[in-house]
Amino acid sequence: GEEQECRGEKQGSLHVWKSELTEVEDDTSPRHSSSPACEYG
């Protein structure tokens, strides 16, 4: 169940992550750290 949930959340916040990550490509924001680890694989 975790994987499925993770995937669903990822799809919804994918564009947001890409947009935010593009700005902080070098620096990993702390708030992203608390996000689903599945994003990093």
N, C-alpha and C. Protein backbone atom coordinates (compact mmCIF):
# COMPACT_ATOMS: atom_id res chain seq x y z
N GLY A 1 0.82 -1.21 0.00
CA GLY A 1 0.00 0.00 0.00
C GLY A 1 0.85 1.26 0.00
N GLU A 2 1.99 1.19 0.63
CA GLU A 2 2.83 2.39 0.70
C GLU A 2 3.24 2.86 -0.70
N GLU A 3 3.70 1.93 -1.51
CA GLU A 3 4.15 2.29 -2.86
C GLU A 3 3.03 2.99 -3.63
N GLN A 4 1.84 2.39 -3.60
CA GLN A 4 0.71 2.98 -4.34
C GLN A 4 0.43 4.40 -3.85
N GLU A 5 0.38 4.56 -2.52
CA GLU A 5 0.11 5.89 -1.97
C GLU A 5 1.19 6.88 -2.41
N CYS A 6 2.41 6.43 -2.32
CA CYS A 6 3.54 7.26 -2.70
C CYS A 6 3.39 7.70 -4.16
N ARG A 7 3.09 6.75 -5.00
CA ARG A 7 2.97 7.05 -6.43
C ARG A 7 1.89 8.11 -6.66
N GLY A 8 0.75 7.92 -6.02
CA GLY A 8 -0.35 8.86 -6.21
C GLY A 8 0.06 10.26 -5.80
N GLU A 9 0.72 10.37 -4.65
CA GLU A 9 1.13 11.69 -4.17
C GLU A 9 2.19 12.28 -5.10
N LYS A 10 3.08 11.42 -5.58
CA LYS A 10 4.15 11.88 -6.46
C LYS A 10 3.56 12.51 -7.72
N GLN A 11 2.64 11.80 -8.35
CA GLN A 11 2.03 12.30 -9.58
C GLN A 11 1.42 13.68 -9.36
N GLY A 12 0.74 13.85 -8.23
CA GLY A 12 0.07 15.12 -7.96
C GLY A 12 1.06 16.24 -7.66
N SER A 13 2.16 15.90 -6.99
CA SER A 13 3.13 16.94 -6.61
C SER A 13 4.36 16.90 -7.48
N LEU A 14 4.30 16.10 -8.56
CA LEU A 14 5.47 15.97 -9.43
C LEU A 14 5.83 17.32 -10.04
N HIS A 15 4.84 17.97 -10.65
CA HIS A 15 5.11 19.26 -11.29
C HIS A 15 5.60 20.28 -10.27
N VAL A 16 5.05 20.22 -9.05
CA VAL A 16 5.46 21.17 -8.01
C VAL A 16 6.92 20.92 -7.63
N TRP A 17 7.24 19.64 -7.45
CA TRP A 17 8.63 19.29 -7.07
C TRP A 17 9.59 19.77 -8.14
N LYS A 18 9.30 19.40 -9.39
CA LYS A 18 10.19 19.79 -10.50
C LYS A 18 10.38 21.30 -10.49
N SER A 19 9.29 22.03 -10.34
CA SER A 19 9.36 23.48 -10.36
C SER A 19 10.22 24.00 -9.22
N GLU A 20 9.99 23.47 -8.00
CA GLU A 20 10.74 23.93 -6.83
C GLU A 20 12.19 23.46 -6.90
N LEU A 21 12.36 22.19 -7.28
CA LEU A 21 13.71 21.63 -7.34
C LEU A 21 14.57 22.38 -8.34
N THR A 22 13.95 22.84 -9.42
CA THR A 22 14.70 23.57 -10.44
C THR A 22 15.35 24.81 -9.82
N GLU A 23 14.66 25.43 -8.88
CA GLU A 23 15.20 26.64 -8.25
C GLU A 23 16.28 26.29 -7.23
N VAL A 24 16.05 25.22 -6.49
CA VAL A 24 17.01 24.81 -5.46
C VAL A 24 17.68 23.50 -5.88
N GLU A 25 18.21 23.50 -7.09
CA GLU A 25 18.83 22.28 -7.61
C GLU A 25 20.06 21.92 -6.78
N ASP A 26 20.87 22.94 -6.48
CA ASP A 26 22.11 22.70 -5.73
C ASP A 26 21.78 22.42 -4.26
N ASP A 27 20.86 23.19 -3.71
CA ASP A 27 20.54 23.06 -2.28
C ASP A 27 19.24 22.29 -2.10
N THR A 28 19.30 21.21 -1.34
CA THR A 28 18.09 20.41 -1.09
C THR A 28 17.31 21.02 0.07
N SER A 29 16.12 21.52 -0.21
CA SER A 29 15.31 22.15 0.83
C SER A 29 14.96 21.16 1.93
N PRO A 30 14.95 21.61 3.18
CA PRO A 30 14.62 20.73 4.31
C PRO A 30 13.19 20.20 4.24
N ARG A 31 12.27 21.01 3.76
CA ARG A 31 10.87 20.57 3.70
C ARG A 31 10.74 19.40 2.73
N HIS A 32 11.56 19.39 1.69
CA HIS A 32 11.52 18.27 0.75
C HIS A 32 11.99 17.00 1.44
N SER A 33 12.88 17.17 2.42
CA SER A 33 13.45 16.02 3.13
C SER A 33 12.32 15.23 3.81
N SER A 34 11.33 15.92 4.32
CA SER A 34 10.24 15.25 5.02
C SER A 34 9.22 14.68 4.04
N SER A 35 9.41 14.94 2.76
CA SER A 35 8.49 14.42 1.76
C SER A 35 8.72 12.93 1.54
N PRO A 36 7.81 12.26 0.85
CA PRO A 36 7.92 10.82 0.59
C PRO A 36 9.30 10.44 0.06
N ALA A 37 9.95 9.50 0.73
CA ALA A 37 11.29 9.06 0.32
C ALA A 37 11.23 8.37 -1.02
N CYS A 38 10.05 7.89 -1.41
CA CYS A 38 9.92 7.16 -2.68
C CYS A 38 10.37 8.05 -3.83
N GLU A 39 10.27 9.36 -3.67
CA GLU A 39 10.68 10.26 -4.74
C GLU A 39 12.15 10.06 -5.07
N TYR A 40 12.94 9.84 -4.02
CA TYR A 40 14.37 9.64 -4.24
C TYR A 40 14.68 8.19 -4.59
N GLY A 41 13.72 7.31 -4.35
CA GLY A 41 13.90 5.91 -4.70
C GLY A 41 14.75 5.20 -3.68
